[in-house]
Amino acid sequence: MNLNKCCRCGCFYSSEGNVCPNCQPKDFNEIAKLKNYFDVNSNFDSIECISANTGITLKNLNRFLNQEEFSKFSNKFNSSGNIGIDL
């Protein structure tokens, strides 16, 4: 049995994915919130601004922006030189 460490809460679990089964609904909710934010807001200043407006932590935003579905947004951050992104 392989144990994984949850990227969100730090507990160990034996299923697949980056987060434990307890944190999966939280991730789905925050990813939906982030997608909605990007749909509604075409201009944003920084990752800190997104965090303040969505309530998603910087740690989780960085993790989400590393996912392929958000790569077009993370590339925008990289080219604009915003601070606070660990890509």
PDB file of N, CA and C in Angstrom:
ATOM      1  N   MET A   1       0.848  -1.178   0.000  1.00  0.00           N
ATOM      2  CA  MET A   1       0.000   0.000   0.000  1.00  0.00           C
ATOM      3  C   MET A   1       0.894   1.241   0.000  1.00  0.00           C
ATOM      4  N   ASN A   2       0.645   2.138  -0.950  1.00  0.00           N
ATOM      5  CA  ASN A   2       1.369   3.393  -1.060  1.00  0.00           C
ATOM      6  C   ASN A   2       0.659   4.477  -0.271  1.00  0.00           C
ATOM      7  N   LEU A   3       1.400   5.226   0.525  1.00  0.00           N
ATOM      8  CA  LEU A   3       0.818   6.347   1.253  1.00  0.00           C
ATOM      9  C   LEU A   3       1.238   7.641   0.587  1.00  0.00           C
ATOM     10  N   ASN A   4       0.303   8.541   0.436  1.00  0.00           N
ATOM     11  CA  ASN A   4       0.552   9.868  -0.111  1.00  0.00           C
ATOM     12  C   ASN A   4       0.285  10.892   0.974  1.00  0.00           C
ATOM     13  N   LYS A   5       0.956  12.039   0.868  1.00  0.00           N
ATOM     14  CA  LYS A   5       0.721  13.128   1.815  1.00  0.00           C
ATOM     15  C   LYS A   5      -0.154  14.179   1.140  1.00  0.00           C
ATOM     16  N   CYS A   6      -1.232  14.542   1.782  1.00  0.00           N
ATOM     17  CA  CYS A   6      -2.177  15.517   1.241  1.00  0.00           C
ATOM     18  C   CYS A   6      -1.504  16.884   1.109  1.00  0.00           C
ATOM     19  N   CYS A   7      -1.605  17.481  -0.076  1.00  0.00           N
ATOM     20  CA  CYS A   7      -1.034  18.807  -0.325  1.00  0.00           C
ATOM     21  C   CYS A   7      -1.785  19.899   0.424  1.00  0.00           C
ATOM     22  N   ARG A   8      -2.972  19.603   0.848  1.00  0.00           N
ATOM     23  CA  ARG A   8      -3.818  20.602   1.487  1.00  0.00           C
ATOM     24  C   ARG A   8      -3.706  20.569   3.011  1.00  0.00           C
ATOM     25  N   CYS A   9      -3.889  19.394   3.617  1.00  0.00           N
ATOM     26  CA  CYS A   9      -3.922  19.316   5.084  1.00  0.00           C
ATOM     27  C   CYS A   9      -2.716  18.610   5.686  1.00  0.00           C
ATOM     28  N   GLY A  10      -1.955  17.891   4.864  1.00  0.00           N
ATOM     29  CA  GLY A  10      -0.753  17.235   5.350  1.00  0.00           C
ATOM     30  C   GLY A  10      -0.948  15.836   5.897  1.00  0.00           C
ATOM     31  N   CYS A  11      -2.179  15.346   5.954  1.00  0.00           N
ATOM     32  CA  CYS A  11      -2.389  13.990   6.473  1.00  0.00           C
ATOM     33  C   CYS A  11      -2.030  12.963   5.395  1.00  0.00           C
ATOM     34  N   PHE A  12      -1.818  11.738   5.824  1.00  0.00           N
ATOM     35  CA  PHE A  12      -1.479  10.662   4.900  1.00  0.00           C
ATOM     36  C   PHE A  12      -2.734   9.903   4.501  1.00  0.00           C
ATOM     37  N   TYR A  13      -2.757   9.451   3.253  1.00  0.00           N
ATOM     38  CA  TYR A  13      -3.905   8.717   2.727  1.00  0.00           C
ATOM     39  C   TYR A  13      -3.409   7.715   1.702  1.00  0.00           C
ATOM     40  N   SER A  14      -4.249   6.750   1.358  1.00  0.00           N
ATOM     41  CA  SER A  14      -3.809   5.681   0.457  1.00  0.00           C
ATOM     42  C   SER A  14      -4.448   5.722  -0.925  1.00  0.00           C
ATOM     43  N   SER A  15      -5.294   6.684  -1.215  1.00  0.00           N
ATOM     44  CA  SER A  15      -5.924   6.764  -2.532  1.00  0.00           C
ATOM     45  C   SER A  15      -5.084   7.621  -3.482  1.00  0.00           C
ATOM     46  N   GLU A  16      -5.524   7.728  -4.722  1.00  0.00           N
ATOM     47  CA  GLU A  16      -4.822   8.498  -5.745  1.00  0.00           C
ATOM     48  C   GLU A  16      -5.120   9.988  -5.611  1.00  0.00           C
ATOM     49  N   GLY A  17      -4.310  10.805  -6.270  1.00  0.00           N
ATOM     50  CA  GLY A  17      -4.529  12.244  -6.310  1.00  0.00           C
ATOM     51  C   GLY A  17      -3.585  13.000  -5.396  1.00  0.00           C
ATOM     52  N   ASN A  18      -3.695  14.338  -5.446  1.00  0.00           N
ATOM     53  CA  ASN A  18      -2.829  15.207  -4.653  1.00  0.00           C
ATOM     54  C   ASN A  18      -3.368  15.504  -3.271  1.00  0.00           C
ATOM     55  N   VAL A  19      -4.663  15.290  -3.089  1.00  0.00           N
ATOM     56  CA  VAL A  19      -5.281  15.596  -1.800  1.00  0.00           C
ATOM     57  C   VAL A  19      -6.035  14.380  -1.280  1.00  0.00           C
ATOM     58  N   CYS A  20      -6.217  14.347   0.033  1.00  0.00           N
ATOM     59  CA  CYS A  20      -6.921  13.230   0.664  1.00  0.00           C
ATOM     60  C   CYS A  20      -8.418  13.300   0.338  1.00  0.00           C
ATOM     61  N   PRO A  21      -9.133  12.216   0.542  1.00  0.00           N
ATOM     62  CA  PRO A  21     -10.574  12.212   0.258  1.00  0.00           C
ATOM     63  C   PRO A  21     -11.352  13.273   1.039  1.00  0.00           C
ATOM     64  N   ASN A  22     -10.894  13.634   2.228  1.00  0.00           N
ATOM     65  CA  ASN A  22     -11.580  14.672   3.005  1.00  0.00           C
ATOM     66  C   ASN A  22     -11.410  16.056   2.393  1.00  0.00           C
ATOM     67  N   CYS A  23     -10.290  16.292   1.716  1.00  0.00           N
ATOM     68  CA  CYS A  23     -10.011  17.613   1.148  1.00  0.00           C
ATOM     69  C   CYS A  23     -10.471  17.762  -0.303  1.00  0.00           C
ATOM     70  N   GLN A  24     -10.801  16.654  -0.975  1.00  0.00           N
ATOM     71  CA  GLN A  24     -11.216  16.734  -2.377  1.00  0.00           C
ATOM     72  C   GLN A  24     -12.401  17.665  -2.599  1.00  0.00           C
ATOM     73  N   PRO A  25     -13.460  17.603  -1.788  1.00  0.00           N
ATOM     74  CA  PRO A  25     -14.578  18.533  -2.010  1.00  0.00           C
ATOM     75  C   PRO A  25     -14.166  19.998  -1.855  1.00  0.00           C
ATOM     76  N   LYS A  26     -13.256  20.272  -0.934  1.00  0.00           N
ATOM     77  CA  LYS A  26     -12.769  21.646  -0.752  1.00  0.00           C
ATOM     78  C   LYS A  26     -12.010  22.104  -1.989  1.00  0.00           C
ATOM     79  N   ASP A  27     -11.174  21.220  -2.538  1.00  0.00           N
ATOM     80  CA  ASP A  27     -10.441  21.557  -3.757  1.00  0.00           C
ATOM     81  C   ASP A  27     -11.397  21.809  -4.923  1.00  0.00           C
ATOM     82  N   PHE A  28     -12.373  20.930  -5.112  1.00  0.00           N
ATOM     83  CA  PHE A  28     -13.337  21.107  -6.205  1.00  0.00           C
ATOM     84  C   PHE A  28     -14.070  22.439  -6.074  1.00  0.00           C
ATOM     85  N   ASN A  29     -14.455  22.789  -4.860  1.00  0.00           N
ATOM     86  CA  ASN A  29     -15.155  24.044  -4.607  1.00  0.00           C
ATOM     87  C   ASN A  29     -14.261  25.240  -4.942  1.00  0.00           C
ATOM     88  N   GLU A  30     -13.016  25.202  -4.495  1.00  0.00           N
ATOM     89  CA  GLU A  30     -12.113  26.325  -4.749  1.00  0.00           C
ATOM     90  C   GLU A  30     -11.719  26.421  -6.220  1.00  0.00           C
ATOM     91  N   ILE A  31     -11.558  25.296  -6.890  1.00  0.00           N
ATOM     92  CA  ILE A  31     -11.248  25.322  -8.322  1.00  0.00           C
ATOM     93  C   ILE A  31     -12.419  25.917  -9.100  1.00  0.00           C
ATOM     94  N   ALA A  32     -13.631  25.552  -8.738  1.00  0.00           N
ATOM     95  CA  ALA A  32     -14.818  26.131  -9.384  1.00  0.00           C
ATOM     96  C   ALA A  32     -14.880  27.632  -9.126  1.00  0.00           C
ATOM     97  N   LYS A  33     -14.565  28.037  -7.914  1.00  0.00           N
ATOM     98  CA  LYS A  33     -14.560  29.458  -7.563  1.00  0.00           C
ATOM     99  C   LYS A  33     -13.499  30.205  -8.371  1.00  0.00           C
ATOM    100  N   LEU A  34     -12.325  29.593  -8.547  1.00  0.00           N
ATOM    101  CA  LEU A  34     -11.248  30.213  -9.317  1.00  0.00           C
ATOM    102  C   LEU A  34     -11.615  30.318 -10.796  1.00  0.00           C
ATOM    103  N   LYS A  35     -12.204  29.261 -11.359  1.00  0.00           N
ATOM    104  CA  LYS A  35     -12.650  29.306 -12.759  1.00  0.00           C
ATOM    105  C   LYS A  35     -13.676  30.417 -12.954  1.00  0.00           C
ATOM    106  N   ASN A  36     -14.615  30.523 -12.034  1.00  0.00           N
ATOM    107  CA  ASN A  36     -15.624  31.570 -12.106  1.00  0.00           C
ATOM    108  C   ASN A  36     -14.976  32.951 -12.013  1.00  0.00           C
ATOM    109  N   TYR A  37     -14.006  33.101 -11.145  1.00  0.00           N
ATOM    110  CA  TYR A  37     -13.313  34.386 -11.004  1.00  0.00           C
ATOM    111  C   TYR A  37     -12.643  34.775 -12.316  1.00  0.00           C
ATOM    112  N   PHE A  38     -11.957  33.826 -12.963  1.00  0.00           N
ATOM    113  CA  PHE A  38     -11.298  34.112 -14.232  1.00  0.00           C
ATOM    114  C   PHE A  38     -12.311  34.402 -15.339  1.00  0.00           C
ATOM    115  N   ASP A  39     -13.474  33.764 -15.307  1.00  0.00           N
ATOM    116  CA  ASP A  39     -14.511  34.031 -16.304  1.00  0.00           C
ATOM    117  C   ASP A  39     -15.069  35.442 -16.166  1.00  0.00           C
ATOM    118  N   VAL A  40     -15.246  35.887 -14.941  1.00  0.00           N
ATOM    119  CA  VAL A  40     -15.866  37.185 -14.669  1.00  0.00           C
ATOM    120  C   VAL A  40     -14.856  38.326 -14.744  1.00  0.00           C
ATOM    121  N   ASN A  41     -13.627  38.086 -14.313  1.00  0.00           N
ATOM    122  CA  ASN A  41     -12.605  39.132 -14.234  1.00  0.00           C
ATOM    123  C   ASN A  41     -11.495  38.868 -15.236  1.00  0.00           C
ATOM    124  N   SER A  42     -11.425  39.690 -16.260  1.00  0.00           N
ATOM    125  CA  SER A  42     -10.361  39.508 -17.244  1.00  0.00           C
ATOM    126  C   SER A  42      -9.083  40.227 -16.821  1.00  0.00           C
ATOM    127  N   ASN A  43      -9.208  41.214 -15.958  1.00  0.00           N
ATOM    128  CA  ASN A  43      -8.044  41.954 -15.476  1.00  0.00           C
ATOM    129  C   ASN A  43      -7.887  41.746 -13.981  1.00  0.00           C
ATOM    130  N   PHE A  44      -6.697  41.374 -13.573  1.00  0.00           N
ATOM    131  CA  PHE A  44      -6.387  41.260 -12.159  1.00  0.00           C
ATOM    132  C   PHE A  44      -4.930  41.636 -11.970  1.00  0.00           C
ATOM    133  N   ASP A  45      -4.626  42.205 -10.814  1.00  0.00           N
ATOM    134  CA  ASP A  45      -3.295  42.744 -10.582  1.00  0.00           C
ATOM    135  C   ASP A  45      -2.272  41.704 -10.158  1.00  0.00           C
ATOM    136  N   SER A  46      -2.646  40.820  -9.278  1.00  0.00           N
ATOM    137  CA  SER A  46      -1.672  39.883  -8.731  1.00  0.00           C
ATOM    138  C   SER A  46      -2.379  38.672  -8.148  1.00  0.00           C
ATOM    139  N   ILE A  47      -1.578  37.693  -7.798  1.00  0.00           N
ATOM    140  CA  ILE A  47      -2.127  36.508  -7.155  1.00  0.00           C
ATOM    141  C   ILE A  47      -2.684  36.870  -5.779  1.00  0.00           C
ATOM    142  N   GLU A  48      -2.084  37.871  -5.139  1.00  0.00           N
ATOM    143  CA  GLU A  48      -2.591  38.326  -3.847  1.00  0.00           C
ATOM    144  C   GLU A  48      -3.997  38.910  -3.992  1.00  0.00           C
ATOM    145  N   CYS A  49      -4.232  39.616  -5.100  1.00  0.00           N
ATOM    146  CA  CYS A  49      -5.552  40.183  -5.395  1.00  0.00           C
ATOM    147  C   CYS A  49      -6.573  39.065  -5.592  1.00  0.00           C
ATOM    148  N   ILE A  50      -6.197  38.034  -6.314  1.00  0.00           N
ATOM    149  CA  ILE A  50      -7.097  36.897  -6.532  1.00  0.00           C
ATOM    150  C   ILE A  50      -7.417  36.233  -5.204  1.00  0.00           C
ATOM    151  N   SER A  51      -6.402  36.055  -4.373  1.00  0.00           N
ATOM    152  CA  SER A  51      -6.605  35.441  -3.062  1.00  0.00           C
ATOM    153  C   SER A  51      -7.568  36.262  -2.217  1.00  0.00           C
ATOM    154  N   ALA A  52      -7.376  37.569  -2.207  1.00  0.00           N
ATOM    155  CA  ALA A  52      -8.246  38.444  -1.416  1.00  0.00           C
ATOM    156  C   ALA A  52      -9.685  38.409  -1.923  1.00  0.00           C
ATOM    157  N   ASN A  53      -9.872  38.327  -3.232  1.00  0.00           N
ATOM    158  CA  ASN A  53     -11.217  38.356  -3.805  1.00  0.00           C
ATOM    159  C   ASN A  53     -11.939  37.013  -3.775  1.00  0.00           C
ATOM    160  N   THR A  54     -11.183  35.919  -3.717  1.00  0.00           N
ATOM    161  CA  THR A  54     -11.815  34.597  -3.735  1.00  0.00           C
ATOM    162  C   THR A  54     -11.804  33.900  -2.383  1.00  0.00           C
ATOM    163  N   GLY A  55     -10.894  34.311  -1.507  1.00  0.00           N
ATOM    164  CA  GLY A  55     -10.749  33.625  -0.224  1.00  0.00           C
ATOM    165  C   GLY A  55      -9.909  32.363  -0.312  1.00  0.00           C
ATOM    166  N   ILE A  56      -9.295  32.115  -1.459  1.00  0.00           N
ATOM    167  CA  ILE A  56      -8.429  30.951  -1.647  1.00  0.00           C
ATOM    168  C   ILE A  56      -7.022  31.333  -1.191  1.00  0.00           C
ATOM    169  N   THR A  57      -6.393  30.474  -0.400  1.00  0.00           N
ATOM    170  CA  THR A  57      -5.057  30.783   0.113  1.00  0.00           C
ATOM    171  C   THR A  57      -4.036  30.835  -1.019  1.00  0.00           C
ATOM    172  N   LEU A  58      -2.952  31.570  -0.787  1.00  0.00           N
ATOM    173  CA  LEU A  58      -1.881  31.647  -1.777  1.00  0.00           C
ATOM    174  C   LEU A  58      -1.292  30.267  -2.051  1.00  0.00           C
ATOM    175  N   LYS A  59      -1.156  29.458  -1.024  1.00  0.00           N
ATOM    176  CA  LYS A  59      -0.632  28.094  -1.189  1.00  0.00           C
ATOM    177  C   LYS A  59      -1.493  27.304  -2.170  1.00  0.00           C
ATOM    178  N   ASN A  60      -2.811  27.351  -1.989  1.00  0.00           N
ATOM    179  CA  ASN A  60      -3.697  26.603  -2.878  1.00  0.00           C
ATOM    180  C   ASN A  60      -3.758  27.230  -4.265  1.00  0.00           C
ATOM    181  N   LEU A  61      -3.726  28.558  -4.359  1.00  0.00           N
ATOM    182  CA  LEU A  61      -3.703  29.199  -5.680  1.00  0.00           C
ATOM    183  C   LEU A  61      -2.472  28.760  -6.465  1.00  0.00           C
ATOM    184  N   ASN A  62      -1.316  28.762  -5.825  1.00  0.00           N
ATOM    185  CA  ASN A  62      -0.099  28.315  -6.506  1.00  0.00           C
ATOM    186  C   ASN A  62      -0.230  26.877  -6.968  1.00  0.00           C
ATOM    187  N   ARG A  63      -0.807  26.039  -6.137  1.00  0.00           N
ATOM    188  CA  ARG A  63      -0.997  24.627  -6.492  1.00  0.00           C
ATOM    189  C   ARG A  63      -1.950  24.496  -7.676  1.00  0.00           C
ATOM    190  N   PHE A  64      -3.053  25.246  -7.661  1.00  0.00           N
ATOM    191  CA  PHE A  64      -4.023  25.184  -8.759  1.00  0.00           C
ATOM    192  C   PHE A  64      -3.425  25.725 -10.054  1.00  0.00           C
ATOM    193  N   LEU A  65      -2.673  26.826  -9.968  1.00  0.00           N
ATOM    194  CA  LEU A  65      -2.108  27.435 -11.173  1.00  0.00           C
ATOM    195  C   LEU A  65      -1.033  26.562 -11.812  1.00  0.00           C
ATOM    196  N   ASN A  66      -0.508  25.605 -11.073  1.00  0.00           N
ATOM    197  CA  ASN A  66       0.440  24.646 -11.647  1.00  0.00           C
ATOM    198  C   ASN A  66      -0.260  23.550 -12.436  1.00  0.00           C
ATOM    199  N   GLN A  67      -1.583  23.465 -12.329  1.00  0.00           N
ATOM    200  CA  GLN A  67      -2.337  22.462 -13.068  1.00  0.00           C
ATOM    201  C   GLN A  67      -2.478  22.898 -14.520  1.00  0.00           C
ATOM    202  N   GLU A  68      -2.522  21.927 -15.407  1.00  0.00           N
ATOM    203  CA  GLU A  68      -2.562  22.199 -16.843  1.00  0.00           C
ATOM    204  C   GLU A  68      -3.743  23.080 -17.247  1.00  0.00           C
ATOM    205  N   GLU A  69      -4.898  22.887 -16.619  1.00  0.00           N
ATOM    206  CA  GLU A  69      -6.077  23.655 -17.014  1.00  0.00           C
ATOM    207  C   GLU A  69      -5.933  25.149 -16.733  1.00  0.00           C
ATOM    208  N   PHE A  70      -5.004  25.537 -15.859  1.00  0.00           N
ATOM    209  CA  PHE A  70      -4.790  26.947 -15.555  1.00  0.00           C
ATOM    210  C   PHE A  70      -3.479  27.471 -16.127  1.00  0.00           C
ATOM    211  N   SER A  71      -2.819  26.722 -16.988  1.00  0.00           N
ATOM    212  CA  SER A  71      -1.502  27.114 -17.491  1.00  0.00           C
ATOM    213  C   SER A  71      -1.537  28.447 -18.242  1.00  0.00           C
ATOM    214  N   LYS A  72      -2.624  28.748 -18.932  1.00  0.00           N
ATOM    215  CA  LYS A  72      -2.689  30.022 -19.658  1.00  0.00           C
ATOM    216  C   LYS A  72      -2.681  31.203 -18.697  1.00  0.00           C
ATOM    217  N   PHE A  73      -3.202  31.016 -17.500  1.00  0.00           N
ATOM    218  CA  PHE A  73      -3.201  32.091 -16.515  1.00  0.00           C
ATOM    219  C   PHE A  73      -1.856  32.190 -15.812  1.00  0.00           C
ATOM    220  N   SER A  74      -1.228  31.068 -15.506  1.00  0.00           N
ATOM    221  CA  SER A  74       0.075  31.103 -14.841  1.00  0.00           C
ATOM    222  C   SER A  74       1.121  31.708 -15.766  1.00  0.00           C
ATOM    223  N   ASN A  75       1.013  31.471 -17.076  1.00  0.00           N
ATOM    224  CA  ASN A  75       1.932  32.088 -18.029  1.00  0.00           C
ATOM    225  C   ASN A  75       1.780  33.597 -18.015  1.00  0.00           C
ATOM    226  N   LYS A  76       0.577  34.082 -17.836  1.00  0.00           N
ATOM    227  CA  LYS A  76       0.339  35.519 -17.763  1.00  0.00           C
ATOM    228  C   LYS A  76       1.049  36.109 -16.550  1.00  0.00           C
ATOM    229  N   PHE A  77       0.993  35.407 -15.425  1.00  0.00           N
ATOM    230  CA  PHE A  77       1.678  35.883 -14.234  1.00  0.00           C
ATOM    231  C   PHE A  77       3.184  35.899 -14.442  1.00  0.00           C
ATOM    232  N   ASN A  78       3.722  34.842 -15.037  1.00  0.00           N
ATOM    233  CA  ASN A  78       5.162  34.764 -15.239  1.00  0.00           C
ATOM    234  C   ASN A  78       5.670  35.913 -16.091  1.00  0.00           C
ATOM    235  N   SER A  79       4.953  36.265 -17.144  1.00  0.00           N
ATOM    236  CA  SER A  79       5.414  37.306 -18.049  1.00  0.00           C
ATOM    237  C   SER A  79       5.250  38.701 -17.465  1.00  0.00           C
ATOM    238  N   SER A  80       4.338  38.877 -16.510  1.00  0.00           N
ATOM    239  CA  SER A  80       4.128  40.205 -15.945  1.00  0.00           C
ATOM    240  C   SER A  80       4.975  40.458 -14.713  1.00  0.00           C
ATOM    241  N   GLY A  81       5.653  39.431 -14.208  1.00  0.00           N
ATOM    242  CA  GLY A  81       6.566  39.631 -13.097  1.00  0.00           C
ATOM    243  C   GLY A  81       5.916  39.825 -11.751  1.00  0.00           C
ATOM    244  N   ASN A  82       4.715  39.334 -11.560  1.00  0.00           N
ATOM    245  CA  ASN A  82       4.077  39.472 -10.259  1.00  0.00           C
ATOM    246  C   ASN A  82       4.817  38.667  -9.206  1.00  0.00           C
ATOM    247  N   ILE A  83       4.789  39.163  -8.002  1.00  0.00           N
ATOM    248  CA  ILE A  83       5.460  38.515  -6.878  1.00  0.00           C
ATOM    249  C   ILE A  83       4.488  37.569  -6.193  1.00  0.00           C
ATOM    250  N   GLY A  84       4.998  36.514  -5.583  1.00  0.00           N
ATOM    251  CA  GLY A  84       4.166  35.631  -4.782  1.00  0.00           C
ATOM    252  C   GLY A  84       3.762  34.351  -5.472  1.00  0.00           C
ATOM    253  N   ILE A  85       4.382  34.055  -6.588  1.00  0.00           N
ATOM    254  CA  ILE A  85       4.024  32.841  -7.312  1.00  0.00           C
ATOM    255  C   ILE A  85       5.214  31.898  -7.315  1.00  0.00           C
ATOM    256  N   ASP A  86       4.988  30.682  -6.877  1.00  0.00           N
ATOM    257  CA  ASP A  86       6.038  29.674  -6.822  1.00  0.00           C
ATOM    258  C   ASP A  86       5.899  28.696  -7.971  1.00  0.00           C
ATOM    259  N   LEU A  87       5.891  29.171  -9.204  1.00  0.00           N
ATOM    260  CA  LEU A  87       5.720  28.272 -10.350  1.00  0.00           C
ATOM    261  C   LEU A  87       7.045  27.717 -10.803  1.00  0.00           C
TER     262      LEU A  87
END
